[in-house]
């Protein structure tokens, strides 16, 4: 079936009619309908009223058909190749576009002020409405623990720790927002982390998107944004870049929580979901339920396993001395990551099998 056949056009028309409208648009529509009804009623006393009404309605229907199937596609094709420039990224304007989305919303950036305290609530109202319409929301940020964060920090002339903190603020905000959603909306919201610098930024709503590039010495949102159609050459290029990074990324949950199973040599096993931090490439987990479980068992009988760890196999559990300098450093890293405190930390150390 060809792209210009009537069936796809009818589907486009039906989807357009189902698209939620702003209250101002509905008000104008109601006023126009009232005026039309008033004009029809006032002209009902004319001679040959039925014949005149039929003739005018038939002419209007022909006009609608020509507009939808001829003029509309021509205008849409002309707009697809058009690039509109925005002097900066207007987060409130983008949030308003998200509100009416019905198919797809995407965000690709190192971190974004749209998830900051000034703009996040308006965006989240838009995301909640979009997921209620069935739109899929995909958010892809830079992994705070990746080398790309260090490189981006050098490009901006900032410490990589500052970039890392900004990303983690975004992640904490998104995590809290996800908990406020109902089950259906939560399934349509995905947040992932990539370890490779994207080089570009993307803010998409349905078939339109804002595209920019990561520049030296300036945040991407402060530079020129190019508004393009998703199926334009530039839009297609950025979409392909997004899809490549998305396939290589990891879910946000793998950065915030570590699935862990403790196995007791004499008393079965138990699964945990632990918060964790790294110091000098060593992994430390925290959790009140984990520590309580360990206190009721002999440490020499316990071993830890997790499919999310690079090192496979059993791990030894070593409790960190709460009066050591390491404990203080762990408290600092934990607070930076989770904006919370932890009472005790446990190191997961891979067991090394020594063979004679």
C-alpha atoms as a PDB file:
ATOM      1  CA  UNK A   1       0.000   0.000   0.000  1.00  0.00           C
ATOM      2  CA  UNK A   2       1.444   3.368  -0.967  1.00  0.00           C
ATOM      3  CA  UNK A   3       2.166   6.089   1.589  1.00  0.00           C
ATOM      4  CA  UNK A   4      -0.235   8.444  -0.142  1.00  0.00           C
ATOM      5  CA  UNK A   5      -3.260   6.101  -0.079  1.00  0.00           C
ATOM      6  CA  UNK A   6      -6.452   7.231   1.747  1.00  0.00           C
ATOM      7  CA  UNK A   7      -6.219   4.678   4.582  1.00  0.00           C
ATOM      8  CA  UNK A   8      -3.082   6.133   6.258  1.00  0.00           C
ATOM      9  CA  UNK A   9      -4.554   9.611   5.818  1.00  0.00           C
ATOM     10  CA  UNK A  10      -7.743   8.526   7.566  1.00  0.00           C
ATOM     11  CA  UNK A  11      -5.712   7.033  10.410  1.00  0.00           C
ATOM     12  CA  UNK A  12      -3.774  10.306  10.669  1.00  0.00           C
ATOM     13  CA  UNK A  13      -7.055  12.252  10.777  1.00  0.00           C
ATOM     14  CA  UNK A  14      -8.509  10.000  13.480  1.00  0.00           C
ATOM     15  CA  UNK A  15      -5.306  10.248  15.548  1.00  0.00           C
ATOM     16  CA  UNK A  16      -5.391  14.033  15.165  1.00  0.00           C
ATOM     17  CA  UNK A  17      -8.986  14.174  16.323  1.00  0.00           C
ATOM     18  CA  UNK A  18      -8.106  12.046  19.363  1.00  0.00           C
ATOM     19  CA  UNK A  19      -5.168  14.260  20.289  1.00  0.00           C
ATOM     20  CA  UNK A  20      -5.947  16.144  23.506  1.00  0.00           C
ATOM     21  CA  UNK A  21      -6.510  19.867  23.008  1.00  0.00           C
ATOM     22  CA  UNK A  22      -5.711  22.750  25.308  1.00  0.00           C
ATOM     23  CA  UNK A  23      -8.636  24.411  27.150  1.00  0.00           C
ATOM     24  CA  UNK A  24      -8.243  27.575  25.019  1.00  0.00           C
ATOM     25  CA  UNK A  25      -8.722  25.540  21.826  1.00  0.00           C
ATOM     26  CA  UNK A  26     -11.834  23.859  23.215  1.00  0.00           C
ATOM     27  CA  UNK A  27     -13.272  27.248  24.193  1.00  0.00           C
ATOM     28  CA  UNK A  28     -12.782  28.608  20.677  1.00  0.00           C
ATOM     29  CA  UNK A  29     -14.306  25.432  19.203  1.00  0.00           C
ATOM     30  CA  UNK A  30     -17.405  25.743  21.403  1.00  0.00           C
ATOM     31  CA  UNK A  31     -17.839  29.422  20.486  1.00  0.00           C
ATOM     32  CA  UNK A  32     -17.555  28.711  16.767  1.00  0.00           C
ATOM     33  CA  UNK A  33     -20.061  25.851  17.048  1.00  0.00           C
ATOM     34  CA  UNK A  34     -22.484  28.129  18.896  1.00  0.00           C
ATOM     35  CA  UNK A  35     -22.141  30.850  16.237  1.00  0.00           C
ATOM     36  CA  UNK A  36     -22.692  28.283  13.459  1.00  0.00           C
ATOM     37  CA  UNK A  37     -25.815  26.933  15.187  1.00  0.00           C
ATOM     38  CA  UNK A  38     -27.147  30.473  15.640  1.00  0.00           C
ATOM     39  CA  UNK A  39     -26.612  31.300  11.955  1.00  0.00           C
ATOM     40  CA  UNK A  40     -28.349  28.101  10.855  1.00  0.00           C
ATOM     41  CA  UNK A  41     -31.305  28.796  13.119  1.00  0.00           C
ATOM     42  CA  UNK A  42     -31.649  32.417  11.958  1.00  0.00           C
ATOM     43  CA  UNK A  43     -31.634  31.368   8.294  1.00  0.00           C
ATOM     44  CA  UNK A  44     -34.218  28.583   8.737  1.00  0.00           C
ATOM     45  CA  UNK A  45     -37.009  30.900   7.528  1.00  0.00           C
ATOM     46  CA  UNK A  46     -35.422  31.412   4.105  1.00  0.00           C
ATOM     47  CA  UNK A  47     -37.032  30.031   0.956  1.00  0.00           C
ATOM     48  CA  UNK A  48     -35.635  26.681  -0.184  1.00  0.00           C
ATOM     49  CA  UNK A  49     -33.813  26.375   3.119  1.00  0.00           C
ATOM     50  CA  UNK A  50     -33.196  22.609   2.838  1.00  0.00           C
ATOM     51  CA  UNK A  51     -31.804  22.861  -0.708  1.00  0.00           C
ATOM     52  CA  UNK A  52     -29.482  25.743   0.207  1.00  0.00           C
ATOM     53  CA  UNK A  53     -28.301  23.956   3.356  1.00  0.00           C
ATOM     54  CA  UNK A  54     -27.582  20.750   1.435  1.00  0.00           C
ATOM     55  CA  UNK A  55     -25.669  22.638  -1.258  1.00  0.00           C
ATOM     56  CA  UNK A  56     -23.522  24.536   1.244  1.00  0.00           C
ATOM     57  CA  UNK A  57     -22.800  21.480   3.379  1.00  0.00           C
ATOM     58  CA  UNK A  58     -21.795  19.492   0.301  1.00  0.00           C
ATOM     59  CA  UNK A  59     -19.430  22.268  -0.798  1.00  0.00           C
ATOM     60  CA  UNK A  60     -17.887  22.462   2.688  1.00  0.00           C
ATOM     61  CA  UNK A  61     -17.359  18.693   2.786  1.00  0.00           C
ATOM     62  CA  UNK A  62     -15.539  18.822  -0.547  1.00  0.00           C
ATOM     63  CA  UNK A  63     -13.366  21.597   0.891  1.00  0.00           C
ATOM     64  CA  UNK A  64     -12.544  19.492   3.956  1.00  0.00           C
ATOM     65  CA  UNK A  65     -11.595  16.501   1.786  1.00  0.00           C
ATOM     66  CA  UNK A  66      -9.305  18.645  -0.377  1.00  0.00           C
ATOM     67  CA  UNK A  67      -7.703  20.192   2.727  1.00  0.00           C
ATOM     68  CA  UNK A  68      -7.102  16.865   4.523  1.00  0.00           C
ATOM     69  CA  UNK A  69      -5.943  14.765   1.577  1.00  0.00           C
ATOM     70  CA  UNK A  70      -4.263  17.347  -0.678  1.00  0.00           C
ATOM     71  CA  UNK A  71      -3.326  20.594   1.025  1.00  0.00           C
ATOM     72  CA  UNK A  72      -2.535  19.036   4.445  1.00  0.00           C
ATOM     73  CA  UNK A  73       0.031  16.495   3.129  1.00  0.00           C
ATOM     74  CA  UNK A  74       1.704  19.185   1.019  1.00  0.00           C
ATOM     75  CA  UNK A  75       2.096  21.451   4.050  1.00  0.00           C
ATOM     76  CA  UNK A  76       3.336  18.544   6.207  1.00  0.00           C
ATOM     77  CA  UNK A  77       5.987  17.581   3.658  1.00  0.00           C
ATOM     78  CA  UNK A  78       7.144  21.170   3.404  1.00  0.00           C
ATOM     79  CA  UNK A  79       7.406  21.429   7.192  1.00  0.00           C
ATOM     80  CA  UNK A  80       9.397  18.188   7.519  1.00  0.00           C
ATOM     81  CA  UNK A  81      12.382  19.703   5.804  1.00  0.00           C
ATOM     82  CA  UNK A  82      12.112  23.018   7.647  1.00  0.00           C
ATOM     83  CA  UNK A  83      14.459  23.762  10.545  1.00  0.00           C
ATOM     84  CA  UNK A  84      13.314  26.260  13.139  1.00  0.00           C
ATOM     85  CA  UNK A  85      15.935  27.804  15.412  1.00  0.00           C
ATOM     86  CA  UNK A  86      15.437  28.480  19.115  1.00  0.00           C
ATOM     87  CA  UNK A  87      17.995  30.672  20.855  1.00  0.00           C
ATOM     88  CA  UNK A  88      17.967  28.391  23.900  1.00  0.00           C
ATOM     89  CA  UNK A  89      16.152  25.420  25.354  1.00  0.00           C
ATOM     90  CA  UNK A  90      12.869  26.673  26.795  1.00  0.00           C
ATOM     91  CA  UNK A  91      12.050  23.968  29.366  1.00  0.00           C
ATOM     92  CA  UNK A  92       8.540  25.255  30.075  1.00  0.00           C
ATOM     93  CA  UNK A  93       7.706  25.289  26.375  1.00  0.00           C
ATOM     94  CA  UNK A  94       9.022  21.741  25.963  1.00  0.00           C
ATOM     95  CA  UNK A  95       6.972  20.568  28.956  1.00  0.00           C
ATOM     96  CA  UNK A  96       3.862  22.009  27.308  1.00  0.00           C
ATOM     97  CA  UNK A  97       4.570  20.003  24.149  1.00  0.00           C
ATOM     98  CA  UNK A  98       5.025  16.836  26.211  1.00  0.00           C
ATOM     99  CA  UNK A  99       1.609  17.364  27.809  1.00  0.00           C
ATOM    100  CA  UNK A 100      -0.196  16.707  24.520  1.00  0.00           C
ATOM    101  CA  UNK A 101       2.036  13.837  23.309  1.00  0.00           C
ATOM    102  CA  UNK A 102       0.349  10.580  22.378  1.00  0.00           C
ATOM    103  CA  UNK A 103       3.109   8.360  20.951  1.00  0.00           C
ATOM    104  CA  UNK A 104       6.663   9.049  22.117  1.00  0.00           C
ATOM    105  CA  UNK A 105       8.693  11.355  24.358  1.00  0.00           C
ATOM    106  CA  UNK A 106      12.495  11.182  24.470  1.00  0.00           C
ATOM    107  CA  UNK A 107      15.198  13.050  26.366  1.00  0.00           C
ATOM    108  CA  UNK A 108      18.914  12.567  25.689  1.00  0.00           C
ATOM    109  CA  UNK A 109      21.406  14.696  27.616  1.00  0.00           C
ATOM    110  CA  UNK A 110      24.324  14.569  30.062  1.00  0.00           C
ATOM    111  CA  UNK A 111      21.968  15.901  32.725  1.00  0.00           C
ATOM    112  CA  UNK A 112      19.102  18.339  32.337  1.00  0.00           C
ATOM    113  CA  UNK A 113      17.707  21.357  34.148  1.00  0.00           C
ATOM    114  CA  UNK A 114      14.272  20.219  33.005  1.00  0.00           C
ATOM    115  CA  UNK A 115      14.477  17.768  35.949  1.00  0.00           C
ATOM    116  CA  UNK A 116      15.563  20.540  38.310  1.00  0.00           C
ATOM    117  CA  UNK A 117      13.354  22.086  41.015  1.00  0.00           C
ATOM    118  CA  UNK A 118      12.290  25.016  38.819  1.00  0.00           C
ATOM    119  CA  UNK A 119      10.870  23.001  35.911  1.00  0.00           C
ATOM    120  CA  UNK A 120      10.438  19.372  37.000  1.00  0.00           C
ATOM    121  CA  UNK A 121       6.867  19.569  38.344  1.00  0.00           C
ATOM    122  CA  UNK A 122       5.538  21.052  35.109  1.00  0.00           C
ATOM    123  CA  UNK A 123       7.384  18.415  33.069  1.00  0.00           C
ATOM    124  CA  UNK A 124       6.126  15.619  35.313  1.00  0.00           C
ATOM    125  CA  UNK A 125       2.545  16.793  34.836  1.00  0.00           C
ATOM    126  CA  UNK A 126       3.195  16.574  31.109  1.00  0.00           C
ATOM    127  CA  UNK A 127       4.718  13.099  31.389  1.00  0.00           C
ATOM    128  CA  UNK A 128       1.818  11.889  33.518  1.00  0.00           C
ATOM    129  CA  UNK A 129      -0.640  13.165  30.916  1.00  0.00           C
ATOM    130  CA  UNK A 130       1.404  11.704  28.035  1.00  0.00           C
ATOM    131  CA  UNK A 131       1.619   8.241  29.625  1.00  0.00           C
ATOM    132  CA  UNK A 132      -2.104   8.481  30.292  1.00  0.00           C
ATOM    133  CA  UNK A 133      -2.530   8.898  26.520  1.00  0.00           C
ATOM    134  CA  UNK A 134      -0.358   5.809  25.955  1.00  0.00           C
ATOM    135  CA  UNK A 135       2.886   7.609  25.059  1.00  0.00           C
ATOM    136  CA  UNK A 136       6.195   5.881  25.767  1.00  0.00           C
ATOM    137  CA  UNK A 137       8.680   8.067  27.675  1.00  0.00           C
ATOM    138  CA  UNK A 138      12.406   7.302  27.320  1.00  0.00           C
ATOM    139  CA  UNK A 139      15.009   9.289  29.272  1.00  0.00           C
ATOM    140  CA  UNK A 140      18.715   8.668  28.644  1.00  0.00           C
ATOM    141  CA  UNK A 141      21.349  10.399  30.794  1.00  0.00           C
ATOM    142  CA  UNK A 142      25.078   9.931  31.251  1.00  0.00           C
ATOM    143  CA  UNK A 143      26.248   7.304  33.763  1.00  0.00           C
ATOM    144  CA  UNK A 144      27.678   9.240  36.742  1.00  0.00           C
ATOM    145  CA  UNK A 145      30.424   6.636  37.217  1.00  0.00           C
ATOM    146  CA  UNK A 146      31.571   6.626  33.573  1.00  0.00           C
ATOM    147  CA  UNK A 147      34.739   8.159  32.151  1.00  0.00           C
ATOM    148  CA  UNK A 148      32.542  10.267  29.865  1.00  0.00           C
ATOM    149  CA  UNK A 149      31.598  12.358  32.932  1.00  0.00           C
ATOM    150  CA  UNK A 150      35.252  13.296  33.433  1.00  0.00           C
ATOM    151  CA  UNK A 151      35.618  14.269  29.770  1.00  0.00           C
ATOM    152  CA  UNK A 152      32.427  16.345  29.828  1.00  0.00           C
ATOM    153  CA  UNK A 153      33.626  18.090  32.988  1.00  0.00           C
ATOM    154  CA  UNK A 154      36.825  19.112  31.211  1.00  0.00           C
ATOM    155  CA  UNK A 155      34.851  20.428  28.245  1.00  0.00           C
ATOM    156  CA  UNK A 156      32.756  22.595  30.548  1.00  0.00           C
ATOM    157  CA  UNK A 157      35.713  23.713  32.618  1.00  0.00           C
ATOM    158  CA  UNK A 158      34.141  22.193  35.726  1.00  0.00           C
ATOM    159  CA  UNK A 159      35.107  19.425  38.107  1.00  0.00           C
ATOM    160  CA  UNK A 160      33.736  16.050  37.070  1.00  0.00           C
ATOM    161  CA  UNK A 161      32.378  15.724  40.621  1.00  0.00           C
ATOM    162  CA  UNK A 162      30.059  18.672  39.914  1.00  0.00           C
ATOM    163  CA  UNK A 163      28.691  17.002  36.758  1.00  0.00           C
ATOM    164  CA  UNK A 164      28.288  13.762  38.676  1.00  0.00           C
ATOM    165  CA  UNK A 165      26.287  15.473  41.433  1.00  0.00           C
ATOM    166  CA  UNK A 166      24.018  17.131  38.863  1.00  0.00           C
ATOM    167  CA  UNK A 167      23.285  13.782  37.212  1.00  0.00           C
ATOM    168  CA  UNK A 168      22.563  12.128  40.544  1.00  0.00           C
ATOM    169  CA  UNK A 169      20.176  14.942  41.494  1.00  0.00           C
ATOM    170  CA  UNK A 170      18.303  14.225  38.251  1.00  0.00           C
ATOM    171  CA  UNK A 171      18.195  10.514  39.050  1.00  0.00           C
ATOM    172  CA  UNK A 172      16.891  11.030  42.588  1.00  0.00           C
ATOM    173  CA  UNK A 173      14.174  13.343  41.252  1.00  0.00           C
ATOM    174  CA  UNK A 174      13.169  10.841  38.564  1.00  0.00           C
ATOM    175  CA  UNK A 175      13.166   7.969  41.051  1.00  0.00           C
ATOM    176  CA  UNK A 176      10.807   9.853  43.396  1.00  0.00           C
ATOM    177  CA  UNK A 177       8.559  10.791  40.477  1.00  0.00           C
ATOM    178  CA  UNK A 178       8.309   7.180  39.268  1.00  0.00           C
ATOM    179  CA  UNK A 179       7.012   6.150  42.692  1.00  0.00           C
ATOM    180  CA  UNK A 180       4.127   8.626  42.310  1.00  0.00           C
ATOM    181  CA  UNK A 181       2.884   7.048  39.080  1.00  0.00           C
ATOM    182  CA  UNK A 182       0.282   4.326  38.806  1.00  0.00           C
ATOM    183  CA  UNK A 183       1.355   0.932  37.513  1.00  0.00           C
ATOM    184  CA  UNK A 184       0.351   1.527  33.878  1.00  0.00           C
ATOM    185  CA  UNK A 185       2.148   4.883  33.644  1.00  0.00           C
ATOM    186  CA  UNK A 186       5.229   3.520  35.419  1.00  0.00           C
ATOM    187  CA  UNK A 187       5.584   0.809  32.798  1.00  0.00           C
ATOM    188  CA  UNK A 188       5.673   3.449  30.049  1.00  0.00           C
ATOM    189  CA  UNK A 189       8.456   5.454  31.742  1.00  0.00           C
ATOM    190  CA  UNK A 190      12.027   4.218  31.258  1.00  0.00           C
ATOM    191  CA  UNK A 191      15.179   5.882  32.574  1.00  0.00           C
ATOM    192  CA  UNK A 192      18.539   4.516  31.467  1.00  0.00           C
ATOM    193  CA  UNK A 193      22.207   5.496  31.746  1.00  0.00           C
ATOM    194  CA  UNK A 194      24.816   5.416  28.990  1.00  0.00           C
ATOM    195  CA  UNK A 195      28.596   5.367  29.495  1.00  0.00           C
ATOM    196  CA  UNK A 196      29.483   6.980  26.148  1.00  0.00           C
ATOM    197  CA  UNK A 197      29.211  10.698  25.476  1.00  0.00           C
ATOM    198  CA  UNK A 198      26.268  11.181  23.068  1.00  0.00           C
ATOM    199  CA  UNK A 199      27.732  14.262  21.369  1.00  0.00           C
ATOM    200  CA  UNK A 200      24.177  15.529  20.786  1.00  0.00           C
ATOM    201  CA  UNK A 201      21.092  16.271  22.830  1.00  0.00           C
ATOM    202  CA  UNK A 202      17.524  15.325  21.974  1.00  0.00           C
ATOM    203  CA  UNK A 203      14.199  16.517  23.350  1.00  0.00           C
ATOM    204  CA  UNK A 204      11.418  14.828  21.399  1.00  0.00           C
ATOM    205  CA  UNK A 205       7.619  14.975  21.550  1.00  0.00           C
ATOM    206  CA  UNK A 206       5.713  12.811  19.044  1.00  0.00           C
ATOM    207  CA  UNK A 207       6.996  13.666  15.540  1.00  0.00           C
ATOM    208  CA  UNK A 208       8.963  16.820  16.447  1.00  0.00           C
ATOM    209  CA  UNK A 209      12.193  17.259  18.375  1.00  0.00           C
ATOM    210  CA  UNK A 210      14.724  19.807  19.578  1.00  0.00           C
ATOM    211  CA  UNK A 211      18.298  18.921  18.662  1.00  0.00           C
ATOM    212  CA  UNK A 212      21.529  20.493  19.873  1.00  0.00           C
ATOM    213  CA  UNK A 213      25.181  19.557  20.235  1.00  0.00           C
ATOM    214  CA  UNK A 214      27.456  19.277  23.268  1.00  0.00           C
ATOM    215  CA  UNK A 215      29.743  22.274  22.962  1.00  0.00           C
ATOM    216  CA  UNK A 216      32.911  23.260  24.820  1.00  0.00           C
ATOM    217  CA  UNK A 217      32.537  25.711  27.689  1.00  0.00           C
ATOM    218  CA  UNK A 218      28.729  25.884  27.641  1.00  0.00           C
ATOM    219  CA  UNK A 219      25.796  23.728  28.673  1.00  0.00           C
ATOM    220  CA  UNK A 220      23.816  22.359  25.761  1.00  0.00           C
ATOM    221  CA  UNK A 221      20.596  24.019  26.916  1.00  0.00           C
ATOM    222  CA  UNK A 222      22.205  27.457  26.692  1.00  0.00           C
ATOM    223  CA  UNK A 223      22.965  27.119  22.984  1.00  0.00           C
ATOM    224  CA  UNK A 224      20.863  27.179  19.820  1.00  0.00           C
ATOM    225  CA  UNK A 225      18.232  24.437  19.575  1.00  0.00           C
ATOM    226  CA  UNK A 226      17.139  23.152  16.181  1.00  0.00           C
ATOM    227  CA  UNK A 227      13.494  22.143  15.966  1.00  0.00           C
ATOM    228  CA  UNK A 228      13.151  19.474  13.293  1.00  0.00           C
ATOM    229  CA  UNK A 229      10.788  16.743  12.209  1.00  0.00           C
ATOM    230  CA  UNK A 230      11.733  13.272  13.431  1.00  0.00           C
ATOM    231  CA  UNK A 231      11.824  11.945   9.845  1.00  0.00           C
ATOM    232  CA  UNK A 232      13.984  14.769   8.478  1.00  0.00           C
ATOM    233  CA  UNK A 233      17.669  13.949   7.716  1.00  0.00           C
ATOM    234  CA  UNK A 234      18.911  15.568  10.939  1.00  0.00           C
ATOM    235  CA  UNK A 235      16.068  14.084  12.976  1.00  0.00           C
ATOM    236  CA  UNK A 236      16.782  10.611  11.591  1.00  0.00           C
ATOM    237  CA  UNK A 237      20.491  10.925  12.399  1.00  0.00           C
ATOM    238  CA  UNK A 238      19.848  11.898  16.030  1.00  0.00           C
ATOM    239  CA  UNK A 239      17.208   9.170  16.435  1.00  0.00           C
ATOM    240  CA  UNK A 240      19.719   6.577  15.236  1.00  0.00           C
ATOM    241  CA  UNK A 241      22.270   7.895  17.728  1.00  0.00           C
ATOM    242  CA  UNK A 242      19.696   7.672  20.508  1.00  0.00           C
ATOM    243  CA  UNK A 243      18.789   4.091  19.598  1.00  0.00           C
ATOM    244  CA  UNK A 244      22.465   3.036  19.547  1.00  0.00           C
ATOM    245  CA  UNK A 245      23.100   4.480  23.002  1.00  0.00           C
ATOM    246  CA  UNK A 246      19.831   3.083  24.336  1.00  0.00           C
ATOM    247  CA  UNK A 247      20.790  -0.450  23.329  1.00  0.00           C
ATOM    248  CA  UNK A 248      24.142  -0.146  25.154  1.00  0.00           C
ATOM    249  CA  UNK A 249      22.747   1.563  28.265  1.00  0.00           C
ATOM    250  CA  UNK A 250      21.690   0.150  31.618  1.00  0.00           C
ATOM    251  CA  UNK A 251      18.503   0.771  33.631  1.00  0.00           C
ATOM    252  CA  UNK A 252      18.646   3.430  36.324  1.00  0.00           C
ATOM    253  CA  UNK A 253      17.798   0.771  38.917  1.00  0.00           C
ATOM    254  CA  UNK A 254      21.173  -0.896  38.337  1.00  0.00           C
ATOM    255  CA  UNK A 255      22.888   2.326  39.402  1.00  0.00           C
ATOM    256  CA  UNK A 256      20.759   2.895  42.488  1.00  0.00           C
ATOM    257  CA  UNK A 257      20.185  -0.663  43.752  1.00  0.00           C
ATOM    258  CA  UNK A 258      22.168  -3.894  43.636  1.00  0.00           C
ATOM    259  CA  UNK A 259      20.291  -7.226  43.687  1.00  0.00           C
ATOM    260  CA  UNK A 260      22.154  -9.414  46.156  1.00  0.00           C
ATOM    261  CA  UNK A 261      21.658 -12.939  47.447  1.00  0.00           C
ATOM    262  CA  UNK A 262      23.219 -14.106  50.712  1.00  0.00           C
ATOM    263  CA  UNK A 263      23.784 -17.828  51.020  1.00  0.00           C
ATOM    264  CA  UNK A 264      24.255 -19.460  54.404  1.00  0.00           C
ATOM    265  CA  UNK A 265      26.130 -22.756  54.269  1.00  0.00           C
ATOM    266  CA  UNK A 266      23.714 -24.257  56.801  1.00  0.00           C
ATOM    267  CA  UNK A 267      20.552 -22.154  56.555  1.00  0.00           C
ATOM    268  CA  UNK A 268      19.458 -21.523  52.957  1.00  0.00           C
ATOM    269  CA  UNK A 269      19.507 -18.157  51.206  1.00  0.00           C
ATOM    270  CA  UNK A 270      17.842 -14.738  51.156  1.00  0.00           C
ATOM    271  CA  UNK A 271      17.570 -12.018  48.495  1.00  0.00           C
ATOM    272  CA  UNK A 272      18.174  -8.305  49.119  1.00  0.00           C
ATOM    273  CA  UNK A 273      18.091  -5.070  47.137  1.00  0.00           C
ATOM    274  CA  UNK A 274      20.915  -2.913  48.462  1.00  0.00           C
ATOM    275  CA  UNK A 275      22.138   0.620  47.981  1.00  0.00           C
ATOM    276  CA  UNK A 276      25.821   0.717  47.156  1.00  0.00           C
ATOM    277  CA  UNK A 277      28.870   2.901  46.482  1.00  0.00           C
ATOM    278  CA  UNK A 278      32.360   2.352  45.093  1.00  0.00           C
ATOM    279  CA  UNK A 279      35.617   3.566  46.664  1.00  0.00           C
ATOM    280  CA  UNK A 280      38.920   2.764  44.905  1.00  0.00           C
ATOM    281  CA  UNK A 281      37.154   0.177  42.728  1.00  0.00           C
ATOM    282  CA  UNK A 282      35.925  -1.681  45.814  1.00  0.00           C
ATOM    283  CA  UNK A 283      32.198  -2.246  46.249  1.00  0.00           C
ATOM    284  CA  UNK A 284      30.400  -1.436  49.509  1.00  0.00           C
ATOM    285  CA  UNK A 285      26.724  -2.105  50.203  1.00  0.00           C
ATOM    286  CA  UNK A 286      24.438  -0.711  52.888  1.00  0.00           C
ATOM    287  CA  UNK A 287      21.057  -1.712  54.197  1.00  0.00           C
ATOM    288  CA  UNK A 288      19.470  -2.142  57.616  1.00  0.00           C
ATOM    289  CA  UNK A 289      17.826  -5.461  56.694  1.00  0.00           C
ATOM    290  CA  UNK A 290      21.122  -6.768  55.269  1.00  0.00           C
ATOM    291  CA  UNK A 291      23.103  -5.904  58.401  1.00  0.00           C
ATOM    292  CA  UNK A 292      20.383  -7.368  60.647  1.00  0.00           C
ATOM    293  CA  UNK A 293      20.456 -10.615  58.697  1.00  0.00           C
ATOM    294  CA  UNK A 294      24.257 -10.790  58.951  1.00  0.00           C
ATOM    295  CA  UNK A 295      24.095 -10.188  62.714  1.00  0.00           C
ATOM    296  CA  UNK A 296      21.975 -13.325  63.124  1.00  0.00           C
ATOM    297  CA  UNK A 297      24.410 -15.539  61.195  1.00  0.00           C
ATOM    298  CA  UNK A 298      28.068 -16.442  61.313  1.00  0.00           C
ATOM    299  CA  UNK A 299      30.065 -14.429  58.783  1.00  0.00           C
ATOM    300  CA  UNK A 300      32.334 -17.373  57.942  1.00  0.00           C
ATOM    301  CA  UNK A 301      29.208 -19.279  56.866  1.00  0.00           C
ATOM    302  CA  UNK A 302      27.885 -16.509  54.613  1.00  0.00           C
ATOM    303  CA  UNK A 303      28.702 -15.710  50.996  1.00  0.00           C
ATOM    304  CA  UNK A 304      27.173 -13.186  48.586  1.00  0.00           C
ATOM    305  CA  UNK A 305      26.172 -13.561  44.932  1.00  0.00           C
ATOM    306  CA  UNK A 306      24.874 -11.114  42.351  1.00  0.00           C
ATOM    307  CA  UNK A 307      24.410 -11.365  38.587  1.00  0.00           C
ATOM    308  CA  UNK A 308      24.923  -7.586  38.355  1.00  0.00           C
ATOM    309  CA  UNK A 309      28.561  -7.801  39.484  1.00  0.00           C
ATOM    310  CA  UNK A 310      31.450  -7.918  37.047  1.00  0.00           C
ATOM    311  CA  UNK A 311      33.212 -10.579  39.082  1.00  0.00           C
ATOM    312  CA  UNK A 312      31.127 -13.731  39.014  1.00  0.00           C
ATOM    313  CA  UNK A 313      30.909 -16.287  41.774  1.00  0.00           C
ATOM    314  CA  UNK A 314      30.910 -15.977  45.549  1.00  0.00           C
ATOM    315  CA  UNK A 315      31.897 -12.798  47.407  1.00  0.00           C
ATOM    316  CA  UNK A 316      33.138 -12.472  50.951  1.00  0.00           C
ATOM    317  CA  UNK A 317      31.313 -10.106  53.336  1.00  0.00           C
ATOM    318  CA  UNK A 318      33.548  -7.750  55.336  1.00  0.00           C
ATOM    319  CA  UNK A 319      32.008  -5.233  57.754  1.00  0.00           C
ATOM    320  CA  UNK A 320      33.696  -1.815  57.646  1.00  0.00           C
ATOM    321  CA  UNK A 321      34.890  -0.420  60.975  1.00  0.00           C
ATOM    322  CA  UNK A 322      32.592   2.502  61.791  1.00  0.00           C
ATOM    323  CA  UNK A 323      35.497   4.438  63.382  1.00  0.00           C
ATOM    324  CA  UNK A 324      37.809   4.182  60.376  1.00  0.00           C
ATOM    325  CA  UNK A 325      38.606   6.880  57.808  1.00  0.00           C
ATOM    326  CA  UNK A 326      37.124   4.598  55.164  1.00  0.00           C
ATOM    327  CA  UNK A 327      33.765   4.692  56.930  1.00  0.00           C
ATOM    328  CA  UNK A 328      33.764   8.480  56.878  1.00  0.00           C
ATOM    329  CA  UNK A 329      34.563   8.497  53.164  1.00  0.00           C
ATOM    330  CA  UNK A 330      31.797   5.968  52.523  1.00  0.00           C
ATOM    331  CA  UNK A 331      29.310   8.142  54.408  1.00  0.00           C
ATOM    332  CA  UNK A 332      30.270  11.087  52.200  1.00  0.00           C
ATOM    333  CA  UNK A 333      29.945   9.125  48.940  1.00  0.00           C
ATOM    334  CA  UNK A 334      26.657   7.609  50.072  1.00  0.00           C
ATOM    335  CA  UNK A 335      25.193  11.029  50.940  1.00  0.00           C
ATOM    336  CA  UNK A 336      26.268  12.414  47.537  1.00  0.00           C
ATOM    337  CA  UNK A 337      24.601   9.533  45.731  1.00  0.00           C
ATOM    338  CA  UNK A 338      21.391   9.061  47.712  1.00  0.00           C
ATOM    339  CA  UNK A 339      21.026  12.274  49.734  1.00  0.00           C
ATOM    340  CA  UNK A 340      20.703  10.010  52.770  1.00  0.00           C
ATOM    341  CA  UNK A 341      22.843   8.432  55.472  1.00  0.00           C
ATOM    342  CA  UNK A 342      23.737   4.854  56.296  1.00  0.00           C
ATOM    343  CA  UNK A 343      24.769   3.334  59.601  1.00  0.00           C
ATOM    344  CA  UNK A 344      26.949   0.472  58.436  1.00  0.00           C
ATOM    345  CA  UNK A 345      28.744  -0.615  55.285  1.00  0.00           C
ATOM    346  CA  UNK A 346      29.752  -4.057  54.086  1.00  0.00           C
ATOM    347  CA  UNK A 347      32.459  -4.679  51.509  1.00  0.00           C
ATOM    348  CA  UNK A 348      31.826  -7.345  48.873  1.00  0.00           C
ATOM    349  CA  UNK A 349      35.188  -8.906  48.092  1.00  0.00           C
ATOM    350  CA  UNK A 350      35.469 -11.625  45.407  1.00  0.00           C
ATOM    351  CA  UNK A 351      36.658 -14.952  46.769  1.00  0.00           C
ATOM    352  CA  UNK A 352      39.918 -16.019  45.114  1.00  0.00           C
ATOM    353  CA  UNK A 353      40.427 -19.723  44.741  1.00  0.00           C
ATOM    354  CA  UNK A 354      44.032 -20.690  45.356  1.00  0.00           C
ATOM    355  CA  UNK A 355      45.176 -23.823  43.597  1.00  0.00           C
ATOM    356  CA  UNK A 356      48.354 -25.705  44.416  1.00  0.00           C
END
